[in-house]
């Protein structure tokens, strides 16, 4: 259960990246990322569940969400020059205070 909690915290930290990419014309890239990470989820689940049981599913989901989120965050930064997550809010806030 802690792995699932950690994965949801990661998604909350970075915000709605999938929706952002879909709204701004990156649907094909988003589809490739989600498709690849879903395939990775199946492979990791098949490897981990027989070895460590139900915790293997949690770890597989954590890897899936982490890989999807990191790839989409890198894409958003490279394409739109937007830093996502709490670090982006901190940078935005500090820049707005300077002006």
PDB file of N, CA and C in Angstrom:
ATOM      1  N   UNK A   1       0.821  -1.192   0.000  1.00  0.00           N
ATOM      2  CA  UNK A   1       0.000   0.000   0.000  1.00  0.00           C
ATOM      3  C   UNK A   1       0.867   1.259   0.000  1.00  0.00           C
ATOM      4  N   UNK A   2       2.065   1.173   0.592  1.00  0.00           N
ATOM      5  CA  UNK A   2       2.942   2.341   0.627  1.00  0.00           C
ATOM      6  C   UNK A   2       3.471   2.695  -0.755  1.00  0.00           C
ATOM      7  N   UNK A   3       3.644   1.684  -1.599  1.00  0.00           N
ATOM      8  CA  UNK A   3       4.090   1.943  -2.964  1.00  0.00           C
ATOM      9  C   UNK A   3       3.020   2.692  -3.756  1.00  0.00           C
ATOM     10  N   UNK A   4       1.772   2.320  -3.535  1.00  0.00           N
ATOM     11  CA  UNK A   4       0.664   3.005  -4.215  1.00  0.00           C
ATOM     12  C   UNK A   4       0.550   4.448  -3.714  1.00  0.00           C
ATOM     13  N   UNK A   5       0.745   4.657  -2.429  1.00  0.00           N
ATOM     14  CA  UNK A   5       0.714   6.004  -1.863  1.00  0.00           C
ATOM     15  C   UNK A   5       1.834   6.852  -2.457  1.00  0.00           C
ATOM     16  N   UNK A   6       3.023   6.274  -2.552  1.00  0.00           N
ATOM     17  CA  UNK A   6       4.153   7.001  -3.130  1.00  0.00           C
ATOM     18  C   UNK A   6       3.887   7.359  -4.589  1.00  0.00           C
ATOM     19  N   UNK A   7       3.284   6.456  -5.337  1.00  0.00           N
ATOM     20  CA  UNK A   7       3.014   6.747  -6.748  1.00  0.00           C
ATOM     21  C   UNK A   7       1.994   7.864  -6.900  1.00  0.00           C
ATOM     22  N   UNK A   8       1.003   7.900  -6.045  1.00  0.00           N
ATOM     23  CA  UNK A   8       0.010   8.983  -6.121  1.00  0.00           C
ATOM     24  C   UNK A   8       0.603  10.316  -5.683  1.00  0.00           C
ATOM     25  N   UNK A   9       1.522  10.290  -4.736  1.00  0.00           N
ATOM     26  CA  UNK A   9       2.206  11.521  -4.334  1.00  0.00           C
ATOM     27  C   UNK A   9       3.056  12.073  -5.469  1.00  0.00           C
ATOM     28  N   UNK A  10       3.679  11.176  -6.229  1.00  0.00           N
ATOM     29  CA  UNK A  10       4.465  11.613  -7.389  1.00  0.00           C
ATOM     30  C   UNK A  10       3.563  12.296  -8.411  1.00  0.00           C
ATOM     31  N   UNK A  11       2.418  11.687  -8.692  1.00  0.00           N
ATOM     32  CA  UNK A  11       1.488  12.303  -9.660  1.00  0.00           C
ATOM     33  C   UNK A  11       0.974  13.640  -9.156  1.00  0.00           C
ATOM     34  N   UNK A  12       0.688  13.726  -7.870  1.00  0.00           N
ATOM     35  CA  UNK A  12       0.208  14.991  -7.309  1.00  0.00           C
ATOM     36  C   UNK A  12       1.303  16.055  -7.355  1.00  0.00           C
ATOM     37  N   UNK A  13       2.548  15.659  -7.151  1.00  0.00           N
ATOM     38  CA  UNK A  13       3.672  16.581  -7.171  1.00  0.00           C
ATOM     39  C   UNK A  13       3.833  17.238  -8.539  1.00  0.00           C
ATOM     40  N   UNK A  14       3.677  16.456  -9.598  1.00  0.00           N
ATOM     41  CA  UNK A  14       3.888  16.973 -10.947  1.00  0.00           C
ATOM     42  C   UNK A  14       2.635  17.535 -11.608  1.00  0.00           C
ATOM     43  N   UNK A  15       1.475  17.264 -11.082  1.00  0.00           N
ATOM     44  CA  UNK A  15       0.249  17.823 -11.635  1.00  0.00           C
ATOM     45  C   UNK A  15      -0.280  17.044 -12.831  1.00  0.00           C
ATOM     46  N   UNK A  16      -1.255  17.626 -13.518  1.00  0.00           N
ATOM     47  CA  UNK A  16      -1.936  16.925 -14.622  1.00  0.00           C
ATOM     48  C   UNK A  16      -1.153  16.992 -15.937  1.00  0.00           C
ATOM     49  N   UNK A  17      -0.051  16.282 -16.016  1.00  0.00           N
ATOM     50  CA  UNK A  17       0.794  16.328 -17.210  1.00  0.00           C
ATOM     51  C   UNK A  17       0.124  15.722 -18.435  1.00  0.00           C
ATOM     52  N   UNK A  18      -0.584  14.623 -18.265  1.00  0.00           N
ATOM     53  CA  UNK A  18      -1.233  13.969 -19.403  1.00  0.00           C
ATOM     54  C   UNK A  18      -2.251  14.918 -20.025  1.00  0.00           C
ATOM     55  N   UNK A  19      -3.047  15.537 -19.206  1.00  0.00           N
ATOM     56  CA  UNK A  19      -4.061  16.459 -19.712  1.00  0.00           C
ATOM     57  C   UNK A  19      -3.410  17.669 -20.384  1.00  0.00           C
ATOM     58  N   UNK A  20      -2.342  18.191 -19.791  1.00  0.00           N
ATOM     59  CA  UNK A  20      -1.648  19.333 -20.374  1.00  0.00           C
ATOM     60  C   UNK A  20      -1.102  18.986 -21.758  1.00  0.00           C
ATOM     61  N   UNK A  21      -0.433  17.842 -21.862  1.00  0.00           N
ATOM     62  CA  UNK A  21       0.129  17.439 -23.158  1.00  0.00           C
ATOM     63  C   UNK A  21      -0.966  17.216 -24.201  1.00  0.00           C
ATOM     64  N   UNK A  22      -2.076  16.633 -23.789  1.00  0.00           N
ATOM     65  CA  UNK A  22      -3.168  16.408 -24.737  1.00  0.00           C
ATOM     66  C   UNK A  22      -3.803  17.709 -25.189  1.00  0.00           C
ATOM     67  N   UNK A  23      -3.886  18.689 -24.325  1.00  0.00           N
ATOM     68  CA  UNK A  23      -4.505  19.965 -24.699  1.00  0.00           C
ATOM     69  C   UNK A  23      -3.616  20.803 -25.602  1.00  0.00           C
ATOM     70  N   UNK A  24      -2.302  20.616 -25.530  1.00  0.00           N
ATOM     71  CA  UNK A  24      -1.395  21.473 -26.276  1.00  0.00           C
ATOM     72  C   UNK A  24      -0.721  20.764 -27.452  1.00  0.00           C
ATOM     73  N   UNK A  25      -1.362  19.722 -27.980  1.00  0.00           N
ATOM     74  CA  UNK A  25      -0.918  19.136 -29.235  1.00  0.00           C
ATOM     75  C   UNK A  25       0.115  18.030 -29.145  1.00  0.00           C
ATOM     76  N   UNK A  26       0.291  17.440 -27.993  1.00  0.00           N
ATOM     77  CA  UNK A  26       1.266  16.352 -27.857  1.00  0.00           C
ATOM     78  C   UNK A  26       0.577  15.006 -27.654  1.00  0.00           C
ATOM     79  N   UNK A  27      -0.550  14.814 -28.325  1.00  0.00           N
ATOM     80  CA  UNK A  27      -1.323  13.589 -28.127  1.00  0.00           C
ATOM     81  C   UNK A  27      -0.552  12.344 -28.540  1.00  0.00           C
ATOM     82  N   UNK A  28       0.150  12.423 -29.671  1.00  0.00           N
ATOM     83  CA  UNK A  28       0.881  11.256 -30.161  1.00  0.00           C
ATOM     84  C   UNK A  28       2.020  10.882 -29.213  1.00  0.00           C
ATOM     85  N   UNK A  29       2.730  11.883 -28.714  1.00  0.00           N
ATOM     86  CA  UNK A  29       3.806  11.604 -27.776  1.00  0.00           C
ATOM     87  C   UNK A  29       3.242  11.009 -26.488  1.00  0.00           C
ATOM     88  N   UNK A  30       2.142  11.569 -25.994  1.00  0.00           N
ATOM     89  CA  UNK A  30       1.513  11.063 -24.778  1.00  0.00           C
ATOM     90  C   UNK A  30       1.069   9.619 -24.968  1.00  0.00           C
ATOM     91  N   UNK A  31       0.510   9.306 -26.127  1.00  0.00           N
ATOM     92  CA  UNK A  31       0.084   7.938 -26.420  1.00  0.00           C
ATOM     93  C   UNK A  31       1.273   6.976 -26.412  1.00  0.00           C
ATOM     94  N   UNK A  32       2.393   7.401 -27.001  1.00  0.00           N
ATOM     95  CA  UNK A  32       3.591   6.557 -27.011  1.00  0.00           C
ATOM     96  C   UNK A  32       4.120   6.326 -25.597  1.00  0.00           C
ATOM     97  N   UNK A  33       4.136   7.377 -24.795  1.00  0.00           N
ATOM     98  CA  UNK A  33       4.648   7.251 -23.424  1.00  0.00           C
ATOM     99  C   UNK A  33       3.750   6.330 -22.606  1.00  0.00           C
ATOM    100  N   UNK A  34       2.445   6.533 -22.679  1.00  0.00           N
ATOM    101  CA  UNK A  34       1.521   5.712 -21.891  1.00  0.00           C
ATOM    102  C   UNK A  34       1.527   4.265 -22.391  1.00  0.00           C
ATOM    103  N   UNK A  35       1.594   4.070 -23.696  1.00  0.00           N
ATOM    104  CA  UNK A  35       1.663   2.715 -24.239  1.00  0.00           C
ATOM    105  C   UNK A  35       2.924   1.989 -23.814  1.00  0.00           C
ATOM    106  N   UNK A  36       4.058   2.679 -23.877  1.00  0.00           N
ATOM    107  CA  UNK A  36       5.323   2.073 -23.476  1.00  0.00           C
ATOM    108  C   UNK A  36       5.346   1.756 -21.988  1.00  0.00           C
ATOM    109  N   UNK A  37       4.868   2.689 -21.166  1.00  0.00           N
ATOM    110  CA  UNK A  37       4.881   2.429 -19.725  1.00  0.00           C
ATOM    111  C   UNK A  37       3.849   1.378 -19.333  1.00  0.00           C
ATOM    112  N   UNK A  38       2.775   1.235 -20.086  1.00  0.00           N
ATOM    113  CA  UNK A  38       1.819   0.153 -19.817  1.00  0.00           C
ATOM    114  C   UNK A  38       2.435  -1.200 -20.138  1.00  0.00           C
ATOM    115  N   UNK A  39       3.175  -1.267 -21.232  1.00  0.00           N
ATOM    116  CA  UNK A  39       3.895  -2.498 -21.566  1.00  0.00           C
ATOM    117  C   UNK A  39       4.928  -2.816 -20.484  1.00  0.00           C
ATOM    118  N   UNK A  40       5.638  -1.782 -20.022  1.00  0.00           N
ATOM    119  CA  UNK A  40       6.599  -1.953 -18.940  1.00  0.00           C
ATOM    120  C   UNK A  40       5.912  -2.442 -17.667  1.00  0.00           C
ATOM    121  N   UNK A  41       4.716  -1.934 -17.393  1.00  0.00           N
ATOM    122  CA  UNK A  41       3.952  -2.368 -16.220  1.00  0.00           C
ATOM    123  C   UNK A  41       3.652  -3.862 -16.281  1.00  0.00           C
ATOM    124  N   UNK A  42       3.240  -4.341 -17.438  1.00  0.00           N
ATOM    125  CA  UNK A  42       2.934  -5.767 -17.586  1.00  0.00           C
ATOM    126  C   UNK A  42       4.181  -6.611 -17.367  1.00  0.00           C
ATOM    127  N   UNK A  43       5.298  -6.215 -17.969  1.00  0.00           N
ATOM    128  CA  UNK A  43       6.538  -6.979 -17.847  1.00  0.00           C
ATOM    129  C   UNK A  43       7.022  -7.004 -16.395  1.00  0.00           C
ATOM    130  N   UNK A  44       7.055  -5.835 -15.757  1.00  0.00           N
ATOM    131  CA  UNK A  44       7.545  -5.766 -14.374  1.00  0.00           C
ATOM    132  C   UNK A  44       6.613  -6.528 -13.443  1.00  0.00           C
ATOM    133  N   UNK A  45       5.312  -6.464 -13.681  1.00  0.00           N
ATOM    134  CA  UNK A  45       4.365  -7.219 -12.857  1.00  0.00           C
ATOM    135  C   UNK A  45       4.595  -8.715 -12.992  1.00  0.00           C
ATOM    136  N   UNK A  46       4.794  -9.183 -14.215  1.00  0.00           N
ATOM    137  CA  UNK A  46       5.045 -10.608 -14.425  1.00  0.00           C
ATOM    138  C   UNK A  46       6.348 -11.077 -13.772  1.00  0.00           C
ATOM    139  N   UNK A  47       7.303 -10.182 -13.668  1.00  0.00           N
ATOM    140  CA  UNK A  47       8.577 -10.541 -13.034  1.00  0.00           C
ATOM    141  C   UNK A  47       8.479 -10.488 -11.508  1.00  0.00           C
ATOM    142  N   UNK A  48       7.865  -9.436 -10.976  1.00  0.00           N
ATOM    143  CA  UNK A  48       7.904  -9.212  -9.532  1.00  0.00           C
ATOM    144  C   UNK A  48       6.858  -9.984  -8.730  1.00  0.00           C
ATOM    145  N   UNK A  49       5.668 -10.166  -9.265  1.00  0.00           N
ATOM    146  CA  UNK A  49       4.604 -10.810  -8.484  1.00  0.00           C
ATOM    147  C   UNK A  49       4.969 -12.234  -8.064  1.00  0.00           C
ATOM    148  N   UNK A  50       5.505 -13.077  -8.937  1.00  0.00           N
ATOM    149  CA  UNK A  50       5.865 -14.418  -8.468  1.00  0.00           C
ATOM    150  C   UNK A  50       6.971 -14.410  -7.402  1.00  0.00           C
ATOM    151  N   UNK A  51       7.808 -13.390  -7.420  1.00  0.00           N
ATOM    152  CA  UNK A  51       8.938 -13.347  -6.487  1.00  0.00           C
ATOM    153  C   UNK A  51       8.574 -12.753  -5.130  1.00  0.00           C
ATOM    154  N   UNK A  52       7.834 -11.616  -5.133  1.00  0.00           N
ATOM    155  CA  UNK A  52       7.571 -10.944  -3.855  1.00  0.00           C
ATOM    156  C   UNK A  52       6.086 -10.761  -3.557  1.00  0.00           C
ATOM    157  N   UNK A  53       5.239 -11.308  -4.380  1.00  0.00           N
ATOM    158  CA  UNK A  53       3.806 -11.281  -4.091  1.00  0.00           C
ATOM    159  C   UNK A  53       3.141  -9.957  -4.400  1.00  0.00           C
ATOM    160  N   UNK A  54       2.191  -9.591  -3.549  1.00  0.00           N
ATOM    161  CA  UNK A  54       1.361  -8.419  -3.814  1.00  0.00           C
ATOM    162  C   UNK A  54       2.153  -7.117  -3.801  1.00  0.00           C
ATOM    163  N   UNK A  55       3.245  -7.067  -3.058  1.00  0.00           N
ATOM    164  CA  UNK A  55       4.090  -5.877  -3.078  1.00  0.00           C
ATOM    165  C   UNK A  55       4.695  -5.649  -4.460  1.00  0.00           C
ATOM    166  N   UNK A  56       4.832  -6.707  -5.239  1.00  0.00           N
ATOM    167  CA  UNK A  56       5.339  -6.583  -6.599  1.00  0.00           C
ATOM    168  C   UNK A  56       4.429  -5.742  -7.469  1.00  0.00           C
ATOM    169  N   UNK A  57       3.125  -5.850  -7.256  1.00  0.00           N
ATOM    170  CA  UNK A  57       2.173  -5.030  -8.012  1.00  0.00           C
ATOM    171  C   UNK A  57       2.346  -3.563  -7.652  1.00  0.00           C
ATOM    172  N   UNK A  58       2.497  -3.295  -6.366  1.00  0.00           N
ATOM    173  CA  UNK A  58       2.703  -1.913  -5.930  1.00  0.00           C
ATOM    174  C   UNK A  58       3.973  -1.316  -6.496  1.00  0.00           C
ATOM    175  N   UNK A  59       5.042  -2.097  -6.498  1.00  0.00           N
ATOM    176  CA  UNK A  59       6.312  -1.617  -7.056  1.00  0.00           C
ATOM    177  C   UNK A  59       6.183  -1.403  -8.561  1.00  0.00           C
ATOM    178  N   UNK A  60       5.492  -2.305  -9.240  1.00  0.00           N
ATOM    179  CA  UNK A  60       5.300  -2.163 -10.688  1.00  0.00           C
ATOM    180  C   UNK A  60       4.507  -0.903 -11.019  1.00  0.00           C
ATOM    181  N   UNK A  61       3.468  -0.623 -10.236  1.00  0.00           N
ATOM    182  CA  UNK A  61       2.678   0.599 -10.462  1.00  0.00           C
ATOM    183  C   UNK A  61       3.508   1.837 -10.175  1.00  0.00           C
ATOM    184  N   UNK A  62       4.330   1.783  -9.133  1.00  0.00           N
ATOM    185  CA  UNK A  62       5.214   2.901  -8.817  1.00  0.00           C
ATOM    186  C   UNK A  62       6.183   3.167  -9.961  1.00  0.00           C
ATOM    187  N   UNK A  63       6.778   2.124 -10.520  1.00  0.00           N
ATOM    188  CA  UNK A  63       7.684   2.276 -11.659  1.00  0.00           C
ATOM    189  C   UNK A  63       6.939   2.845 -12.864  1.00  0.00           C
ATOM    190  N   UNK A  64       5.724   2.368 -13.101  1.00  0.00           N
ATOM    191  CA  UNK A  64       4.911   2.836 -14.225  1.00  0.00           C
ATOM    192  C   UNK A  64       4.620   4.325 -14.100  1.00  0.00           C
ATOM    193  N   UNK A  65       4.120   4.737 -12.970  1.00  0.00           N
ATOM    194  CA  UNK A  65       3.749   6.147 -12.789  1.00  0.00           C
ATOM    195  C   UNK A  65       4.986   7.035 -12.792  1.00  0.00           C
ATOM    196  N   UNK A  66       6.065   6.573 -12.176  1.00  0.00           N
ATOM    197  CA  UNK A  66       7.296   7.353 -12.157  1.00  0.00           C
ATOM    198  C   UNK A  66       7.850   7.549 -13.562  1.00  0.00           C
ATOM    199  N   UNK A  67       7.895   6.484 -14.351  1.00  0.00           N
ATOM    200  CA  UNK A  67       8.433   6.609 -15.709  1.00  0.00           C
ATOM    201  C   UNK A  67       7.550   7.496 -16.583  1.00  0.00           C
ATOM    202  N   UNK A  68       6.237   7.326 -16.496  1.00  0.00           N
ATOM    203  CA  UNK A  68       5.325   8.165 -17.281  1.00  0.00           C
ATOM    204  C   UNK A  68       5.467   9.632 -16.900  1.00  0.00           C
ATOM    205  N   UNK A  69       5.481   9.897 -15.616  1.00  0.00           N
ATOM    206  CA  UNK A  69       5.536  11.270 -15.138  1.00  0.00           C
ATOM    207  C   UNK A  69       6.852  11.944 -15.499  1.00  0.00           C
ATOM    208  N   UNK A  70       7.956  11.244 -15.325  1.00  0.00           N
ATOM    209  CA  UNK A  70       9.259  11.838 -15.635  1.00  0.00           C
ATOM    210  C   UNK A  70       9.378  12.121 -17.130  1.00  0.00           C
ATOM    211  N   UNK A  71       8.968  11.175 -17.966  1.00  0.00           N
ATOM    212  CA  UNK A  71       9.053  11.396 -19.415  1.00  0.00           C
ATOM    213  C   UNK A  71       8.177  12.560 -19.866  1.00  0.00           C
ATOM    214  N   UNK A  72       6.969  12.651 -19.329  1.00  0.00           N
ATOM    215  CA  UNK A  72       6.095  13.759 -19.707  1.00  0.00           C
ATOM    216  C   UNK A  72       6.601  15.092 -19.162  1.00  0.00           C
ATOM    217  N   UNK A  73       7.173  15.091 -17.974  1.00  0.00           N
ATOM    218  CA  UNK A  73       7.728  16.328 -17.410  1.00  0.00           C
ATOM    219  C   UNK A  73       8.904  16.825 -18.247  1.00  0.00           C
ATOM    220  N   UNK A  74       9.756  15.912 -18.690  1.00  0.00           N
ATOM    221  CA  UNK A  74      10.876  16.296 -19.558  1.00  0.00           C
ATOM    222  C   UNK A  74      10.350  16.850 -20.875  1.00  0.00           C
ATOM    223  N   UNK A  75       9.339  16.207 -21.426  1.00  0.00           N
ATOM    224  CA  UNK A  75       8.746  16.678 -22.686  1.00  0.00           C
ATOM    225  C   UNK A  75       8.162  18.085 -22.536  1.00  0.00           C
ATOM    226  N   UNK A  76       7.431  18.321 -21.463  1.00  0.00           N
ATOM    227  CA  UNK A  76       6.827  19.642 -21.236  1.00  0.00           C
ATOM    228  C   UNK A  76       7.918  20.696 -21.079  1.00  0.00           C
ATOM    229  N   UNK A  77       8.985  20.357 -20.388  1.00  0.00           N
ATOM    230  CA  UNK A  77      10.073  21.327 -20.224  1.00  0.00           C
ATOM    231  C   UNK A  77      10.755  21.626 -21.552  1.00  0.00           C
ATOM    232  N   UNK A  78      11.033  20.589 -22.330  1.00  0.00           N
ATOM    233  CA  UNK A  78      11.731  20.798 -23.604  1.00  0.00           C
ATOM    234  C   UNK A  78      10.868  21.503 -24.636  1.00  0.00           C
ATOM    235  N   UNK A  79       9.596  21.152 -24.697  1.00  0.00           N
ATOM    236  CA  UNK A  79       8.745  21.716 -25.741  1.00  0.00           C
ATOM    237  C   UNK A  79       8.175  23.082 -25.379  1.00  0.00           C
ATOM    238  N   UNK A  80       7.792  23.259 -24.116  1.00  0.00           N
ATOM    239  CA  UNK A  80       7.105  24.482 -23.717  1.00  0.00           C
ATOM    240  C   UNK A  80       7.926  25.348 -22.764  1.00  0.00           C
ATOM    241  N   UNK A  81       9.095  24.860 -22.353  1.00  0.00           N
ATOM    242  CA  UNK A  81       9.958  25.569 -21.411  1.00  0.00           C
ATOM    243  C   UNK A  81       9.223  25.874 -20.100  1.00  0.00           C
ATOM    244  N   UNK A  82       8.478  24.900 -19.627  1.00  0.00           N
ATOM    245  CA  UNK A  82       7.731  25.030 -18.379  1.00  0.00           C
ATOM    246  C   UNK A  82       8.268  23.996 -17.402  1.00  0.00           C
ATOM    247  N   UNK A  83       8.652  24.463 -16.228  1.00  0.00           N
ATOM    248  CA  UNK A  83       9.088  23.554 -15.171  1.00  0.00           C
ATOM    249  C   UNK A  83       7.845  23.156 -14.393  1.00  0.00           C
ATOM    250  N   UNK A  84       7.561  21.865 -14.351  1.00  0.00           N
ATOM    251  CA  UNK A  84       6.353  21.386 -13.679  1.00  0.00           C
ATOM    252  C   UNK A  84       6.680  20.927 -12.272  1.00  0.00           C
ATOM    253  N   UNK A  85       5.653  20.838 -11.469  1.00  0.00           N
ATOM    254  CA  UNK A  85       5.814  20.380 -10.103  1.00  0.00           C
ATOM    255  C   UNK A  85       5.999  21.529  -9.135  1.00  0.00           C
ATOM    256  N   UNK A  86       6.287  21.183  -7.912  1.00  0.00           N
ATOM    257  CA  UNK A  86       6.453  22.186  -6.872  1.00  0.00           C
ATOM    258  C   UNK A  86       7.651  23.068  -7.162  1.00  0.00           C
ATOM    259  N   UNK A  87       8.711  22.526  -7.764  1.00  0.00           N
ATOM    260  CA  UNK A  87       9.883  23.332  -8.080  1.00  0.00           C
ATOM    261  C   UNK A  87       9.533  24.432  -9.071  1.00  0.00           C
ATOM    262  N   UNK A  88       8.624  24.154  -9.981  1.00  0.00           N
ATOM    263  CA  UNK A  88       8.177  25.180 -10.917  1.00  0.00           C
ATOM    264  C   UNK A  88       7.421  26.285 -10.222  1.00  0.00           C
ATOM    265  N   UNK A  89       6.618  25.936  -9.234  1.00  0.00           N
ATOM    266  CA  UNK A  89       5.893  26.948  -8.475  1.00  0.00           C
ATOM    267  C   UNK A  89       6.848  27.823  -7.679  1.00  0.00           C
ATOM    268  N   UNK A  90       7.871  27.212  -7.119  1.00  0.00           N
ATOM    269  CA  UNK A  90       8.845  27.983  -6.339  1.00  0.00           C
ATOM    270  C   UNK A  90       9.591  28.942  -7.243  1.00  0.00           C
ATOM    271  N   UNK A  91      10.008  28.480  -8.415  1.00  0.00           N
ATOM    272  CA  UNK A  91      10.710  29.360  -9.351  1.00  0.00           C
ATOM    273  C   UNK A  91       9.813  30.498  -9.818  1.00  0.00           C
ATOM    274  N   UNK A  92       8.564  30.184 -10.140  1.00  0.00           N
ATOM    275  CA  UNK A  92       7.628  31.195 -10.596  1.00  0.00           C
ATOM    276  C   UNK A  92       7.388  32.232  -9.503  1.00  0.00           C
ATOM    277  N   UNK A  93       7.214  31.788  -8.279  1.00  0.00           N
ATOM    278  CA  UNK A  93       6.948  32.687  -7.170  1.00  0.00           C
ATOM    279  C   UNK A  93       8.138  33.592  -6.914  1.00  0.00           C
ATOM    280  N   UNK A  94       9.340  33.056  -6.938  1.00  0.00           N
ATOM    281  CA  UNK A  94      10.517  33.872  -6.661  1.00  0.00           C
ATOM    282  C   UNK A  94      10.744  34.884  -7.778  1.00  0.00           C
ATOM    283  N   UNK A  95      10.461  34.529  -9.026  1.00  0.00           N
ATOM    284  CA  UNK A  95      10.624  35.472 -10.131  1.00  0.00           C
ATOM    285  C   UNK A  95       9.596  36.598 -10.041  1.00  0.00           C
ATOM    286  N   UNK A  96       8.379  36.256  -9.645  1.00  0.00           N
ATOM    287  CA  UNK A  96       7.348  37.292  -9.568  1.00  0.00           C
ATOM    288  C   UNK A  96       7.620  38.248  -8.422  1.00  0.00           C
ATOM    289  N   UNK A  97       8.316  37.814  -7.392  1.00  0.00           N
ATOM    290  CA  UNK A  97       8.656  38.704  -6.277  1.00  0.00           C
ATOM    291  C   UNK A  97       9.771  39.662  -6.639  1.00  0.00           C
ATOM    292  N   UNK A  98      10.620  39.272  -7.574  1.00  0.00           N
ATOM    293  CA  UNK A  98      11.744  40.123  -7.964  1.00  0.00           C
ATOM    294  C   UNK A  98      11.277  41.320  -8.780  1.00  0.00           C
ATOM    295  N   UNK A  99      10.194  41.217  -9.488  1.00  0.00           N
ATOM    296  CA  UNK A  99       9.749  42.315 -10.364  1.00  0.00           C
ATOM    297  C   UNK A  99       8.918  43.266  -9.657  1.00  0.00           C
TER     298      UNK A  99
END
